[in-house]
């Protein structure tokens, strides 16, 4: 652990750690945005299922209910991802490993960002 602390010490390590925190904040914001989009899509699918039920269209009703269930599952998955990003922001300072974790988080800028909407 001393080698890692030596590598991340100093002004360069602090500068890189700031960009790591920004990467984590960007991932958290994107995940929360995906939660919001999923909630909106789930609400729309549930509304269309109700409209299908009023019309008596049983095939569309079943499809919309399945879609709403899949969107609900996706919403909980996105809430889990958001919780992970929030934990990576909050836990390292509490465990006194903030700088190495935030320096490593700068690599998140190199990873592709997941799409905003779920693929059907």
Protein backbone atom coordinates (compact mmCIF):
# COMPACT_ATOMS: atom_id res chain seq x y z
CA UNK A 1 0.00 0.00 0.00
CA UNK A 2 2.99 2.31 0.52
CA UNK A 3 3.92 2.11 -3.15
CA UNK A 4 0.43 3.19 -4.18
CA UNK A 5 0.43 6.06 -1.70
CA UNK A 6 3.86 7.15 -2.94
CA UNK A 7 2.67 7.14 -6.55
CA UNK A 8 -0.48 9.15 -5.78
CA UNK A 9 1.16 11.62 -3.39
CA UNK A 10 1.89 15.18 -4.38
CA UNK A 11 0.17 17.74 -6.58
CA UNK A 12 0.02 15.50 -9.67
CA UNK A 13 -1.76 12.79 -7.72
CA UNK A 14 -4.22 15.34 -6.36
CA UNK A 15 -4.83 16.72 -9.85
CA UNK A 16 -5.48 13.24 -11.25
CA UNK A 17 -7.70 12.38 -8.26
CA UNK A 18 -9.90 15.42 -9.01
CA UNK A 19 -10.52 14.09 -12.52
CA UNK A 20 -11.24 10.66 -11.01
CA UNK A 21 -13.90 12.21 -8.79
CA UNK A 22 -15.33 13.99 -11.84
CA UNK A 23 -15.46 10.64 -13.66
CA UNK A 24 -17.36 9.07 -10.76
CA UNK A 25 -19.75 12.03 -10.61
CA UNK A 26 -20.36 11.75 -14.36
CA UNK A 27 -21.12 8.03 -14.06
CA UNK A 28 -23.43 8.67 -11.09
CA UNK A 29 -25.28 11.42 -12.96
CA UNK A 30 -25.65 9.26 -16.06
CA UNK A 31 -26.95 6.33 -13.97
CA UNK A 32 -29.50 8.57 -12.23
CA UNK A 33 -30.61 9.91 -15.60
CA UNK A 34 -31.10 6.33 -16.79
CA UNK A 35 -33.24 5.64 -13.71
CA UNK A 36 -35.45 8.62 -14.62
CA UNK A 37 -35.80 7.53 -18.25
CA UNK A 38 -36.65 3.98 -17.18
CA UNK A 39 -39.31 5.26 -14.76
CA UNK A 40 -40.87 7.36 -17.53
CA UNK A 41 -40.89 4.42 -19.94
CA UNK A 42 -42.38 2.14 -17.27
CA UNK A 43 -45.15 4.65 -16.60
CA UNK A 44 -45.92 4.92 -20.31
CA UNK A 45 -46.00 1.13 -20.72
CA UNK A 46 -48.34 0.75 -17.73
CA UNK A 47 -50.62 3.46 -19.14
CA UNK A 48 -50.72 1.74 -22.53
CA UNK A 49 -51.54 -1.56 -20.78
CA UNK A 50 -54.51 0.12 -19.07
CA UNK A 51 -55.69 1.53 -22.40
CA UNK A 52 -55.42 -1.93 -23.96
CA UNK A 53 -57.42 -3.39 -21.09
CA UNK A 54 -60.19 -0.82 -21.60
CA UNK A 55 -60.32 -1.61 -25.31
CA UNK A 56 -60.30 -5.35 -24.67
CA UNK A 57 -57.11 -5.94 -26.67
CA UNK A 58 -55.69 -8.90 -24.75
CA UNK A 59 -52.61 -9.43 -26.93
CA UNK A 60 -51.37 -5.86 -26.56
CA UNK A 61 -52.31 -5.91 -22.87
CA UNK A 62 -50.03 -8.92 -22.26
CA UNK A 63 -47.20 -7.36 -24.27
CA UNK A 64 -47.42 -4.06 -22.39
CA UNK A 65 -47.54 -5.79 -19.02
CA UNK A 66 -44.44 -7.80 -19.93
CA UNK A 67 -42.74 -4.61 -21.06
CA UNK A 68 -43.66 -2.87 -17.79
CA UNK A 69 -42.26 -5.79 -15.77
CA UNK A 70 -39.01 -5.73 -17.76
CA UNK A 71 -38.73 -1.97 -17.28
CA UNK A 72 -39.35 -2.33 -13.54
CA UNK A 73 -36.53 -4.87 -13.38
CA UNK A 74 -34.26 -2.54 -15.36
CA UNK A 75 -35.13 0.33 -13.01
CA UNK A 76 -34.00 -1.66 -9.98
CA UNK A 77 -30.81 -2.65 -11.78
CA UNK A 78 -30.12 1.03 -12.52
CA UNK A 79 -30.80 1.96 -8.90
CA UNK A 80 -28.20 -0.65 -7.94
CA UNK A 81 -25.68 0.83 -10.37
CA UNK A 82 -26.38 4.32 -9.02
CA UNK A 83 -25.82 3.03 -5.49
CA UNK A 84 -22.49 1.55 -6.57
CA UNK A 85 -21.27 4.86 -8.02
CA UNK A 86 -22.45 6.74 -4.93
CA UNK A 87 -20.64 4.26 -2.68
CA UNK A 88 -17.44 4.71 -4.69
CA UNK A 89 -17.73 8.44 -4.07
CA UNK A 90 -18.55 8.29 -0.36
CA UNK A 91 -16.76 5.22 1.03
CA UNK A 92 -13.10 5.89 0.12
CA UNK A 93 -12.70 9.01 2.30
CA UNK A 94 -14.32 7.15 5.19
CA UNK A 95 -11.89 4.25 4.76
CA UNK A 96 -8.88 6.54 4.29
CA UNK A 97 -8.15 5.28 0.77
CA UNK A 98 -9.60 8.22 -1.13
CA UNK A 99 -6.68 9.30 -3.26
CA UNK A 100 -5.72 5.85 -4.66
CA UNK A 101 -9.37 5.03 -5.44
CA UNK A 102 -10.00 8.38 -7.08
CA UNK A 103 -6.77 8.16 -9.08
CA UNK A 104 -7.83 4.72 -10.33
CA UNK A 105 -11.29 6.10 -11.17
CA UNK A 106 -9.77 8.31 -13.86
CA UNK A 107 -9.73 5.17 -16.02
CA UNK A 108 -13.55 5.43 -16.21
CA UNK A 109 -13.10 8.15 -18.82
CA UNK A 110 -11.71 5.47 -21.15
CA UNK A 111 -14.67 3.09 -20.79
CA UNK A 112 -17.68 3.46 -23.09
CA UNK A 113 -20.74 5.00 -21.51
CA UNK A 114 -23.84 2.77 -21.46
CA UNK A 115 -26.77 3.95 -23.62
CA UNK A 116 -29.39 6.18 -22.08
CA UNK A 117 -32.31 4.02 -23.14
CA UNK A 118 -32.65 0.30 -22.74
CA UNK A 119 -32.46 -1.67 -25.96
CA UNK A 120 -35.68 -3.51 -26.79
